[in-house]
């Protein structure tokens, strides 16, 4: 279950949105991904030729201290999330001095890949961070015959932002109480509600 950092107290925050509505919710609340951020990109060729996807790189635009904000779990307490690792999945540790993509355990292979106009590929990048607030983006290098280039993948023209969440107050949305309540994250990623006054 992902989470978002926000500077606002839980009383004024709307319940977590459905996945398709998450970008608007995040933007309206000035939220930043906390601890982990997943990016999905789908690449397809144009015209009749084959495009070789040579490599995918993480580029860091800036790093500073983690945001001193509250963290809100994106989902509901007691409702599961997660699943199998998709075929083309990569992880990256944004705390590393030189963050590099590595295939996730259970993913099939690594770059290069080929795509055509009738054959798209979808890639998943799972970025994690504990000790920093990182602004970052991806660069996809491609070639087709004697042509080549680099495509930047970012958050509509701005770098993605992911902040460490350790030591921050954490909240999850209780369907029973219809409000955000303090939670504890378990080592397996599950969340549990803290007793009142804990």
N, C-alpha and C. Protein backbone atom coordinates (compact mmCIF):
# COMPACT_ATOMS: atom_id res chain seq x y z
N UNK A 1 0.85 -1.18 0.00
CA UNK A 1 0.00 0.00 0.00
C UNK A 1 0.89 1.24 0.00
N UNK A 2 0.71 2.10 -0.98
CA UNK A 2 1.53 3.30 -1.07
C UNK A 2 1.05 4.34 -0.08
N UNK A 3 1.85 5.38 0.11
CA UNK A 3 1.43 6.46 1.00
C UNK A 3 1.90 7.79 0.43
N UNK A 4 1.32 8.86 0.94
CA UNK A 4 1.64 10.22 0.49
C UNK A 4 1.96 11.08 1.70
N UNK A 5 2.93 11.96 1.54
CA UNK A 5 3.26 12.94 2.57
C UNK A 5 2.53 14.24 2.27
N UNK A 6 1.92 14.80 3.31
CA UNK A 6 1.25 16.10 3.20
C UNK A 6 1.48 16.88 4.47
N UNK A 7 1.49 18.20 4.34
CA UNK A 7 1.71 19.04 5.51
C UNK A 7 0.43 19.24 6.32
N UNK A 8 -0.73 18.79 5.80
CA UNK A 8 -2.01 19.09 6.43
C UNK A 8 -2.37 18.05 7.49
N UNK A 9 -3.11 18.48 8.56
CA UNK A 9 -3.57 17.53 9.57
C UNK A 9 -4.69 16.65 9.01
N UNK A 10 -4.93 15.48 9.61
CA UNK A 10 -5.87 14.52 9.03
C UNK A 10 -7.31 14.99 9.01
N UNK A 11 -7.71 15.93 9.87
CA UNK A 11 -9.10 16.35 9.91
C UNK A 11 -9.60 16.99 8.63
N UNK A 12 -8.72 17.59 7.85
CA UNK A 12 -9.17 18.28 6.64
C UNK A 12 -8.87 17.56 5.35
N UNK A 13 -8.50 16.28 5.42
CA UNK A 13 -8.12 15.53 4.23
C UNK A 13 -9.25 14.60 3.80
N UNK A 14 -9.62 14.64 2.53
CA UNK A 14 -10.66 13.76 2.00
C UNK A 14 -10.19 12.31 2.05
N UNK A 15 -11.12 11.34 2.03
CA UNK A 15 -10.71 9.93 2.00
C UNK A 15 -9.83 9.63 0.79
N UNK A 16 -9.06 8.53 0.85
CA UNK A 16 -8.20 8.19 -0.29
C UNK A 16 -9.04 7.91 -1.53
N UNK A 17 -8.57 8.32 -2.71
CA UNK A 17 -9.35 8.18 -3.94
C UNK A 17 -9.17 6.80 -4.56
N UNK A 18 -10.00 6.52 -5.59
CA UNK A 18 -9.75 5.37 -6.45
C UNK A 18 -8.48 5.63 -7.23
N UNK A 19 -7.87 4.56 -7.76
CA UNK A 19 -6.58 4.70 -8.44
C UNK A 19 -6.64 5.71 -9.57
N UNK A 20 -7.71 5.70 -10.37
CA UNK A 20 -7.78 6.62 -11.52
C UNK A 20 -7.94 8.08 -11.09
N UNK A 21 -8.40 8.30 -9.86
CA UNK A 21 -8.58 9.67 -9.38
C UNK A 21 -7.40 10.17 -8.53
N UNK A 22 -6.42 9.31 -8.33
CA UNK A 22 -5.30 9.65 -7.45
C UNK A 22 -4.53 10.89 -7.90
N UNK A 23 -4.22 11.06 -9.22
CA UNK A 23 -3.46 12.26 -9.59
C UNK A 23 -4.13 13.57 -9.18
N UNK A 24 -5.45 13.66 -9.35
CA UNK A 24 -6.16 14.88 -8.96
C UNK A 24 -6.15 15.09 -7.46
N UNK A 25 -6.32 13.99 -6.70
CA UNK A 25 -6.29 14.06 -5.23
C UNK A 25 -4.92 14.52 -4.75
N UNK A 26 -3.87 13.94 -5.32
CA UNK A 26 -2.49 14.30 -4.95
C UNK A 26 -2.23 15.77 -5.25
N UNK A 27 -2.63 16.21 -6.45
CA UNK A 27 -2.40 17.60 -6.84
C UNK A 27 -3.17 18.57 -5.95
N UNK A 28 -4.43 18.26 -5.66
CA UNK A 28 -5.26 19.15 -4.85
C UNK A 28 -4.72 19.31 -3.44
N UNK A 29 -4.07 18.27 -2.92
CA UNK A 29 -3.55 18.31 -1.55
C UNK A 29 -2.07 18.66 -1.47
N UNK A 30 -1.42 18.88 -2.61
CA UNK A 30 0.01 19.18 -2.60
C UNK A 30 0.82 18.03 -2.03
N UNK A 31 0.36 16.79 -2.29
CA UNK A 31 1.00 15.61 -1.70
C UNK A 31 2.22 15.17 -2.49
N UNK A 32 3.08 14.40 -1.81
CA UNK A 32 4.30 13.85 -2.38
C UNK A 32 4.34 12.36 -2.01
N UNK A 33 4.77 11.52 -2.93
CA UNK A 33 4.89 10.09 -2.61
C UNK A 33 5.84 9.90 -1.43
N UNK A 34 5.47 8.99 -0.52
CA UNK A 34 6.25 8.78 0.70
C UNK A 34 6.79 7.36 0.74
N UNK A 35 8.11 7.25 0.84
CA UNK A 35 8.75 5.95 0.99
C UNK A 35 8.89 5.16 -0.30
N UNK A 36 7.88 5.21 -1.13
CA UNK A 36 7.87 4.41 -2.36
C UNK A 36 7.02 5.13 -3.42
N UNK A 37 7.45 5.03 -4.66
CA UNK A 37 6.66 5.57 -5.77
C UNK A 37 6.76 4.62 -6.95
N UNK A 38 5.61 4.30 -7.53
CA UNK A 38 5.58 3.41 -8.69
C UNK A 38 5.21 4.21 -9.92
N UNK A 39 5.95 3.96 -10.99
CA UNK A 39 5.71 4.62 -12.27
C UNK A 39 5.50 3.54 -13.32
N UNK A 40 4.44 3.68 -14.10
CA UNK A 40 4.17 2.74 -15.21
C UNK A 40 4.27 3.51 -16.52
N UNK A 41 5.03 2.98 -17.47
CA UNK A 41 5.11 3.61 -18.78
C UNK A 41 4.91 2.57 -19.87
N UNK A 42 4.16 2.94 -20.89
CA UNK A 42 3.91 2.07 -22.03
C UNK A 42 4.54 2.72 -23.26
N UNK A 43 5.33 1.92 -23.99
CA UNK A 43 6.08 2.41 -25.14
C UNK A 43 5.65 1.63 -26.38
N UNK A 44 5.39 2.37 -27.46
CA UNK A 44 4.95 1.76 -28.71
C UNK A 44 5.64 2.47 -29.87
N UNK A 45 6.02 1.71 -30.90
CA UNK A 45 6.64 2.31 -32.07
C UNK A 45 5.62 3.05 -32.92
N UNK A 46 6.11 3.84 -33.85
CA UNK A 46 5.25 4.52 -34.82
C UNK A 46 5.74 4.18 -36.21
N UNK A 47 4.83 4.18 -37.20
CA UNK A 47 5.21 3.80 -38.54
C UNK A 47 5.41 2.30 -38.64
N UNK A 48 6.12 1.87 -39.66
CA UNK A 48 6.27 0.44 -39.89
C UNK A 48 7.55 -0.17 -39.36
N UNK A 49 8.47 0.65 -38.84
CA UNK A 49 9.77 0.13 -38.42
C UNK A 49 9.78 -0.38 -36.99
N UNK A 50 10.88 -1.04 -36.67
CA UNK A 50 11.11 -1.53 -35.31
C UNK A 50 11.93 -0.52 -34.54
N UNK A 51 11.56 -0.29 -33.30
CA UNK A 51 12.31 0.62 -32.43
C UNK A 51 12.96 -0.22 -31.34
N UNK A 52 14.25 -0.01 -31.15
CA UNK A 52 14.97 -0.69 -30.08
C UNK A 52 15.03 0.23 -28.88
N UNK A 53 14.51 -0.24 -27.76
CA UNK A 53 14.61 0.50 -26.50
C UNK A 53 15.92 0.07 -25.86
N UNK A 54 16.92 0.93 -25.96
CA UNK A 54 18.29 0.57 -25.59
C UNK A 54 18.49 0.49 -24.08
N UNK A 55 17.98 1.48 -23.35
CA UNK A 55 18.22 1.52 -21.90
C UNK A 55 17.28 2.52 -21.26
N UNK A 56 17.08 2.35 -19.96
CA UNK A 56 16.26 3.24 -19.16
C UNK A 56 17.08 3.65 -17.95
N UNK A 57 17.20 4.97 -17.72
CA UNK A 57 18.05 5.47 -16.64
C UNK A 57 17.26 6.36 -15.68
N UNK A 58 17.68 6.36 -14.43
CA UNK A 58 17.15 7.29 -13.42
C UNK A 58 18.08 8.49 -13.36
N UNK A 59 17.49 9.67 -13.41
CA UNK A 59 18.25 10.92 -13.29
C UNK A 59 17.73 11.69 -12.07
N UNK A 60 18.63 12.11 -11.21
CA UNK A 60 18.25 12.85 -10.00
C UNK A 60 18.40 14.34 -10.26
N UNK A 61 17.30 15.08 -10.05
CA UNK A 61 17.31 16.53 -10.25
C UNK A 61 17.63 17.28 -8.97
N UNK A 62 17.50 16.62 -7.81
CA UNK A 62 17.80 17.27 -6.55
C UNK A 62 17.49 16.36 -5.38
N UNK A 63 18.25 16.54 -4.30
CA UNK A 63 18.08 15.73 -3.09
C UNK A 63 18.23 16.64 -1.87
N UNK A 64 17.32 16.47 -0.90
CA UNK A 64 17.47 17.17 0.36
C UNK A 64 16.85 16.33 1.47
N UNK A 65 16.69 16.92 2.65
CA UNK A 65 16.17 16.18 3.81
C UNK A 65 14.73 15.75 3.56
N UNK A 66 14.30 14.62 4.17
CA UNK A 66 12.90 14.20 4.01
C UNK A 66 11.95 15.28 4.49
N UNK A 67 10.78 15.34 3.87
CA UNK A 67 9.78 16.32 4.26
C UNK A 67 9.24 16.00 5.65
N UNK A 68 9.12 16.99 6.48
CA UNK A 68 8.62 16.80 7.86
C UNK A 68 7.10 16.94 7.88
N UNK A 69 6.44 16.07 7.11
CA UNK A 69 4.99 16.11 6.95
C UNK A 69 4.38 14.83 7.50
N UNK A 70 3.05 14.82 7.65
CA UNK A 70 2.32 13.61 7.97
C UNK A 70 2.27 12.69 6.75
N UNK A 71 2.14 11.38 7.01
CA UNK A 71 2.02 10.40 5.92
C UNK A 71 0.64 9.76 5.95
N UNK A 72 0.04 9.62 4.76
CA UNK A 72 -1.30 9.06 4.62
C UNK A 72 -1.26 7.85 3.70
N UNK A 73 -1.71 6.69 4.23
CA UNK A 73 -1.74 5.46 3.43
C UNK A 73 -2.83 5.58 2.36
N UNK A 74 -2.49 5.22 1.14
CA UNK A 74 -3.43 5.30 0.03
C UNK A 74 -4.18 3.97 -0.08
N UNK A 75 -5.28 3.89 0.60
CA UNK A 75 -6.08 2.68 0.67
C UNK A 75 -6.84 2.73 1.99
N UNK A 76 -7.48 1.62 2.31
CA UNK A 76 -8.28 1.57 3.52
C UNK A 76 -7.73 0.52 4.46
N UNK A 77 -7.78 0.80 5.75
CA UNK A 77 -7.29 -0.15 6.75
C UNK A 77 -8.05 -1.46 6.62
N UNK A 78 -7.31 -2.56 6.54
CA UNK A 78 -7.92 -3.88 6.45
C UNK A 78 -8.24 -4.34 5.05
N UNK A 79 -8.05 -3.47 4.05
CA UNK A 79 -8.29 -3.85 2.66
C UNK A 79 -6.94 -4.11 2.02
N UNK A 80 -6.74 -5.31 1.51
CA UNK A 80 -5.43 -5.72 0.98
C UNK A 80 -5.06 -4.99 -0.28
N UNK A 81 -3.77 -5.02 -0.58
CA UNK A 81 -3.25 -4.47 -1.83
C UNK A 81 -2.02 -5.27 -2.20
N UNK A 82 -1.53 -5.05 -3.39
CA UNK A 82 -0.35 -5.79 -3.85
C UNK A 82 -0.74 -6.81 -4.89
N UNK A 83 0.22 -7.66 -5.27
CA UNK A 83 -0.02 -8.65 -6.29
C UNK A 83 1.28 -9.16 -6.84
N UNK A 84 1.18 -9.85 -7.98
CA UNK A 84 2.36 -10.41 -8.61
C UNK A 84 3.24 -9.32 -9.20
N UNK A 85 4.53 -9.63 -9.37
CA UNK A 85 5.45 -8.70 -10.00
C UNK A 85 5.21 -8.73 -11.50
N UNK A 86 4.89 -7.56 -12.14
CA UNK A 86 4.69 -7.56 -13.58
C UNK A 86 5.96 -7.95 -14.33
N UNK A 87 5.79 -8.33 -15.60
CA UNK A 87 6.89 -8.90 -16.39
C UNK A 87 8.10 -7.97 -16.48
N UNK A 88 7.90 -6.72 -16.83
CA UNK A 88 9.01 -5.78 -17.00
C UNK A 88 9.04 -4.82 -15.81
N UNK A 89 9.51 -5.30 -14.67
CA UNK A 89 9.52 -4.51 -13.43
C UNK A 89 10.94 -4.24 -12.98
N UNK A 90 11.17 -3.00 -12.57
CA UNK A 90 12.49 -2.58 -12.13
C UNK A 90 12.38 -1.84 -10.80
N UNK A 91 13.34 -2.03 -9.95
CA UNK A 91 13.42 -1.30 -8.70
C UNK A 91 14.58 -0.33 -8.72
N UNK A 92 14.49 0.71 -7.90
CA UNK A 92 15.60 1.65 -7.77
C UNK A 92 15.59 2.21 -6.36
N UNK A 93 16.76 2.26 -5.74
CA UNK A 93 16.95 2.83 -4.41
C UNK A 93 17.39 4.28 -4.58
N UNK A 94 16.50 5.21 -4.31
CA UNK A 94 16.82 6.63 -4.51
C UNK A 94 17.77 7.18 -3.46
N UNK A 95 18.02 6.41 -2.39
CA UNK A 95 19.02 6.82 -1.40
C UNK A 95 20.44 6.57 -1.89
N UNK A 96 20.60 5.75 -2.91
CA UNK A 96 21.92 5.42 -3.44
C UNK A 96 22.59 6.67 -4.01
N UNK A 97 23.92 6.74 -3.91
CA UNK A 97 24.64 7.89 -4.47
C UNK A 97 24.49 7.94 -6.00
N UNK A 98 24.35 6.79 -6.64
CA UNK A 98 24.09 6.72 -8.08
C UNK A 98 22.94 5.72 -8.28
N UNK A 99 21.68 6.19 -8.22
CA UNK A 99 20.55 5.27 -8.35
C UNK A 99 20.53 4.58 -9.71
N UNK A 100 20.38 3.25 -9.68
CA UNK A 100 20.33 2.45 -10.92
C UNK A 100 19.13 1.52 -10.88
N UNK A 101 18.51 1.33 -12.03
CA UNK A 101 17.41 0.39 -12.15
C UNK A 101 17.94 -1.03 -12.15
N UNK A 102 17.28 -1.91 -11.40
CA UNK A 102 17.62 -3.33 -11.42
C UNK A 102 16.33 -4.12 -11.59
N UNK A 103 16.35 -5.19 -12.40
CA UNK A 103 15.13 -5.99 -12.56
C UNK A 103 14.66 -6.54 -11.23
N UNK A 104 13.36 -6.45 -10.97
CA UNK A 104 12.78 -6.97 -9.73
C UNK A 104 12.82 -8.49 -9.75
N UNK A 105 12.91 -9.09 -8.57
CA UNK A 105 12.86 -10.54 -8.47
C UNK A 105 11.52 -11.02 -9.04
N UNK A 106 11.58 -11.96 -9.96
CA UNK A 106 10.37 -12.46 -10.61
C UNK A 106 10.11 -11.81 -11.95
N UNK A 107 10.80 -10.68 -12.25
CA UNK A 107 10.67 -10.07 -13.57
C UNK A 107 11.47 -10.89 -14.57
N UNK A 108 11.17 -10.76 -15.84
CA UNK A 108 11.70 -11.68 -16.83
C UNK A 108 13.09 -11.33 -17.36
N UNK A 109 13.34 -10.09 -17.69
CA UNK A 109 14.60 -9.79 -18.37
C UNK A 109 14.94 -8.31 -18.24
N UNK A 110 15.94 -7.88 -19.00
CA UNK A 110 16.46 -6.52 -18.91
C UNK A 110 16.58 -5.95 -20.32
N UNK A 111 16.91 -4.68 -20.41
CA UNK A 111 17.09 -4.02 -21.71
C UNK A 111 18.23 -4.65 -22.48
N UNK A 112 18.19 -4.55 -23.85
CA UNK A 112 17.23 -3.83 -24.69
C UNK A 112 15.95 -4.63 -24.99
N UNK A 113 14.92 -3.88 -25.42
CA UNK A 113 13.65 -4.44 -25.88
C UNK A 113 13.37 -3.86 -27.26
N UNK A 114 12.48 -4.49 -27.99
CA UNK A 114 12.04 -3.94 -29.27
C UNK A 114 10.53 -3.75 -29.25
N UNK A 115 10.07 -2.67 -29.91
CA UNK A 115 8.64 -2.40 -30.04
C UNK A 115 8.36 -1.99 -31.48
N UNK A 116 7.11 -2.20 -31.88
CA UNK A 116 6.62 -1.76 -33.19
C UNK A 116 5.29 -1.06 -32.98
N UNK A 117 4.72 -0.55 -34.06
CA UNK A 117 3.45 0.17 -33.94
C UNK A 117 2.33 -0.75 -33.47
N UNK A 118 2.46 -2.06 -33.71
CA UNK A 118 1.44 -3.01 -33.29
C UNK A 118 1.90 -3.87 -32.11
N UNK A 119 2.96 -3.45 -31.46
CA UNK A 119 3.53 -4.27 -30.38
C UNK A 119 4.13 -3.36 -29.32
N UNK A 120 3.34 -3.03 -28.31
CA UNK A 120 3.79 -2.13 -27.24
C UNK A 120 4.37 -2.94 -26.08
N UNK A 121 5.19 -2.28 -25.27
CA UNK A 121 5.72 -2.87 -24.03
C UNK A 121 5.39 -1.92 -22.88
N UNK A 122 5.04 -2.49 -21.74
CA UNK A 122 4.77 -1.71 -20.54
C UNK A 122 5.83 -2.02 -19.50
N UNK A 123 6.37 -0.97 -18.90
CA UNK A 123 7.43 -1.08 -17.91
C UNK A 123 6.95 -0.48 -16.59
N UNK A 124 7.41 -1.07 -15.49
CA UNK A 124 7.05 -0.62 -14.15
C UNK A 124 8.34 -0.31 -13.39
N UNK A 125 8.39 0.87 -12.80
CA UNK A 125 9.54 1.28 -12.00
C UNK A 125 9.05 1.52 -10.58
N UNK A 126 9.65 0.82 -9.63
CA UNK A 126 9.29 0.93 -8.22
C UNK A 126 10.47 1.59 -7.49
N UNK A 127 10.32 2.88 -7.18
CA UNK A 127 11.39 3.65 -6.54
C UNK A 127 11.14 3.71 -5.04
N UNK A 128 12.19 3.48 -4.25
CA UNK A 128 12.08 3.55 -2.79
C UNK A 128 13.10 4.54 -2.25
N UNK A 129 12.76 5.15 -1.09
CA UNK A 129 13.67 6.08 -0.44
C UNK A 129 13.34 6.11 1.04
N UNK A 130 14.36 6.24 1.89
CA UNK A 130 14.17 6.34 3.33
C UNK A 130 14.75 7.63 3.91
N UNK A 131 15.92 8.03 3.41
CA UNK A 131 16.68 9.08 4.09
C UNK A 131 16.65 10.44 3.41
N UNK A 132 15.94 10.59 2.30
CA UNK A 132 15.98 11.84 1.55
C UNK A 132 14.62 12.19 0.97
N UNK A 133 14.53 13.41 0.48
CA UNK A 133 13.46 13.86 -0.40
C UNK A 133 14.12 14.03 -1.76
N UNK A 134 13.70 13.22 -2.74
CA UNK A 134 14.40 13.18 -4.02
C UNK A 134 13.47 13.63 -5.15
N UNK A 135 14.00 14.50 -6.00
CA UNK A 135 13.32 14.91 -7.23
C UNK A 135 14.04 14.18 -8.37
N UNK A 136 13.28 13.40 -9.16
CA UNK A 136 13.92 12.53 -10.13
C UNK A 136 13.03 12.32 -11.37
N UNK A 137 13.66 11.83 -12.42
CA UNK A 137 12.91 11.49 -13.63
C UNK A 137 13.63 10.34 -14.32
N UNK A 138 13.04 9.84 -15.39
CA UNK A 138 13.60 8.74 -16.16
C UNK A 138 13.99 9.22 -17.55
N UNK A 139 15.01 8.59 -18.12
CA UNK A 139 15.37 8.82 -19.52
C UNK A 139 15.42 7.49 -20.24
N UNK A 140 14.69 7.41 -21.36
CA UNK A 140 14.63 6.21 -22.18
C UNK A 140 15.40 6.45 -23.47
N UNK A 141 16.48 5.70 -23.67
CA UNK A 141 17.28 5.80 -24.90
C UNK A 141 16.73 4.81 -25.93
N UNK A 142 16.56 5.28 -27.18
CA UNK A 142 16.00 4.43 -28.22
C UNK A 142 16.78 4.60 -29.52
N UNK A 143 16.62 3.63 -30.41
CA UNK A 143 17.19 3.72 -31.75
C UNK A 143 16.27 3.02 -32.74
N UNK A 144 16.33 3.46 -33.99
CA UNK A 144 15.57 2.85 -35.08
C UNK A 144 16.32 3.11 -36.37
N UNK A 145 16.97 2.07 -36.90
CA UNK A 145 17.83 2.27 -38.07
C UNK A 145 18.96 3.21 -37.70
N UNK A 146 19.12 4.30 -38.47
CA UNK A 146 20.20 5.25 -38.17
C UNK A 146 19.72 6.42 -37.30
N UNK A 147 18.52 6.31 -36.79
CA UNK A 147 17.99 7.35 -35.91
C UNK A 147 18.09 6.89 -34.46
N UNK A 148 18.27 7.85 -33.57
CA UNK A 148 18.31 7.53 -32.14
C UNK A 148 17.94 8.78 -31.35
N UNK A 149 17.58 8.58 -30.10
CA UNK A 149 17.20 9.71 -29.27
C UNK A 149 16.97 9.29 -27.84
N UNK A 150 16.56 10.26 -27.03
CA UNK A 150 16.27 10.04 -25.62
C UNK A 150 14.96 10.71 -25.28
N UNK A 151 14.08 9.98 -24.61
CA UNK A 151 12.79 10.51 -24.17
C UNK A 151 12.82 10.67 -22.66
N UNK A 152 12.43 11.84 -22.19
CA UNK A 152 12.34 12.09 -20.75
C UNK A 152 10.95 11.70 -20.26
N UNK A 153 10.90 10.97 -19.16
CA UNK A 153 9.64 10.57 -18.53
C UNK A 153 9.59 11.23 -17.16
N UNK A 154 8.60 12.11 -16.96
CA UNK A 154 8.51 12.84 -15.69
C UNK A 154 7.04 13.06 -15.35
N UNK A 155 6.79 13.93 -14.40
CA UNK A 155 5.44 14.22 -13.92
C UNK A 155 4.92 15.47 -14.62
N UNK A 156 4.45 15.28 -15.86
CA UNK A 156 3.93 16.38 -16.69
C UNK A 156 4.85 17.59 -16.70
N UNK A 157 6.12 17.34 -17.02
CA UNK A 157 7.09 18.42 -17.17
C UNK A 157 7.90 18.73 -15.93
N UNK A 158 7.54 18.14 -14.80
CA UNK A 158 8.29 18.35 -13.56
C UNK A 158 8.83 17.01 -13.08
N UNK A 159 9.93 17.02 -12.31
CA UNK A 159 10.44 15.75 -11.78
C UNK A 159 9.43 15.09 -10.84
N UNK A 160 9.48 13.76 -10.76
CA UNK A 160 8.76 13.06 -9.72
C UNK A 160 9.36 13.47 -8.37
N UNK A 161 8.56 13.39 -7.31
CA UNK A 161 9.07 13.71 -5.97
C UNK A 161 8.72 12.55 -5.04
N UNK A 162 9.72 12.05 -4.34
CA UNK A 162 9.53 10.95 -3.40
C UNK A 162 10.32 11.28 -2.14
N UNK A 163 9.66 11.17 -0.98
CA UNK A 163 10.30 11.55 0.28
C UNK A 163 10.31 10.38 1.25
N UNK A 164 11.39 10.25 2.01
CA UNK A 164 11.44 9.28 3.08
C UNK A 164 10.34 9.56 4.10
N UNK A 165 9.85 8.50 4.77
CA UNK A 165 8.73 8.66 5.69
C UNK A 165 9.02 8.19 7.10
N UNK A 166 10.21 7.67 7.35
CA UNK A 166 10.50 7.12 8.67
C UNK A 166 10.43 8.20 9.75
N UNK A 167 9.79 7.85 10.87
CA UNK A 167 9.68 8.77 11.99
C UNK A 167 8.57 9.79 11.86
N UNK A 168 7.80 9.73 10.77
CA UNK A 168 6.72 10.68 10.58
C UNK A 168 5.40 10.10 11.10
N UNK A 169 4.47 10.94 11.59
CA UNK A 169 3.14 10.44 11.95
C UNK A 169 2.46 9.83 10.73
N UNK A 170 1.87 8.63 10.91
CA UNK A 170 1.24 7.93 9.79
C UNK A 170 -0.23 7.71 10.07
N UNK A 171 -1.04 7.87 9.02
CA UNK A 171 -2.48 7.74 9.14
C UNK A 171 -3.02 6.84 8.04
N UNK A 172 -4.08 6.11 8.38
CA UNK A 172 -4.82 5.31 7.41
C UNK A 172 -6.29 5.64 7.55
N UNK A 173 -7.06 5.37 6.50
CA UNK A 173 -8.48 5.72 6.54
C UNK A 173 -9.28 4.53 7.03
N UNK A 174 -10.03 4.74 8.11
CA UNK A 174 -10.88 3.69 8.69
C UNK A 174 -12.27 3.75 8.08
N UNK A 175 -12.68 2.65 7.43
CA UNK A 175 -14.03 2.59 6.87
C UNK A 175 -15.07 2.57 7.98
N UNK A 176 -14.73 1.97 9.13
CA UNK A 176 -15.68 1.91 10.26
C UNK A 176 -15.91 3.30 10.86
N UNK A 177 -14.83 4.05 11.05
CA UNK A 177 -14.93 5.35 11.71
C UNK A 177 -15.11 6.51 10.74
N UNK A 178 -14.94 6.23 9.44
CA UNK A 178 -15.10 7.26 8.40
C UNK A 178 -14.19 8.46 8.63
N UNK A 179 -12.93 8.14 9.02
CA UNK A 179 -11.96 9.22 9.22
C UNK A 179 -10.55 8.62 9.21
N UNK A 180 -9.57 9.51 9.09
CA UNK A 180 -8.17 9.11 9.18
C UNK A 180 -7.83 8.83 10.64
N UNK A 181 -7.11 7.73 10.88
CA UNK A 181 -6.72 7.36 12.24
C UNK A 181 -5.23 7.01 12.24
N UNK A 182 -4.55 7.14 13.38
CA UNK A 182 -3.12 6.76 13.44
C UNK A 182 -2.94 5.27 13.17
N UNK A 183 -1.88 4.94 12.43
CA UNK A 183 -1.60 3.55 12.07
C UNK A 183 -0.14 3.21 12.34
N UNK A 184 0.14 1.92 12.28
CA UNK A 184 1.51 1.41 12.32
C UNK A 184 1.69 0.54 11.08
N UNK A 185 2.84 0.70 10.39
CA UNK A 185 3.15 -0.16 9.25
C UNK A 185 3.91 -1.38 9.74
N UNK A 186 3.44 -2.54 9.31
CA UNK A 186 4.10 -3.79 9.66
C UNK A 186 5.25 -4.06 8.69
N UNK A 187 6.22 -4.92 9.07
CA UNK A 187 7.35 -5.21 8.17
C UNK A 187 6.93 -5.72 6.80
N UNK A 188 5.77 -6.41 6.72
CA UNK A 188 5.32 -6.94 5.42
C UNK A 188 4.56 -5.90 4.60
N UNK A 189 4.47 -4.66 5.09
CA UNK A 189 3.78 -3.60 4.35
C UNK A 189 2.34 -3.40 4.77
N UNK A 190 1.77 -4.34 5.52
CA UNK A 190 0.39 -4.18 5.99
C UNK A 190 0.33 -3.05 7.01
N UNK A 191 -0.87 -2.48 7.19
CA UNK A 191 -1.05 -1.43 8.17
C UNK A 191 -2.06 -1.89 9.22
N UNK A 192 -1.86 -1.43 10.44
CA UNK A 192 -2.80 -1.74 11.52
C UNK A 192 -3.09 -0.46 12.28
N UNK A 193 -4.34 -0.34 12.72
CA UNK A 193 -4.75 0.85 13.46
C UNK A 193 -4.18 0.82 14.86
N UNK A 194 -3.66 1.96 15.30
CA UNK A 194 -3.15 2.07 16.66
C UNK A 194 -4.32 2.28 17.63
N UNK A 195 -4.22 1.76 18.86
CA UNK A 195 -5.28 2.00 19.84
C UNK A 195 -5.44 3.49 20.11
N UNK A 196 -6.64 3.88 20.48
CA UNK A 196 -6.90 5.30 20.81
C UNK A 196 -5.94 5.74 21.90
N UNK A 197 -5.31 6.91 21.72
CA UNK A 197 -4.42 7.48 22.71
C UNK A 197 -3.02 6.92 22.68
N UNK A 198 -2.72 6.00 21.73
CA UNK A 198 -1.37 5.40 21.66
C UNK A 198 -0.37 6.41 21.12
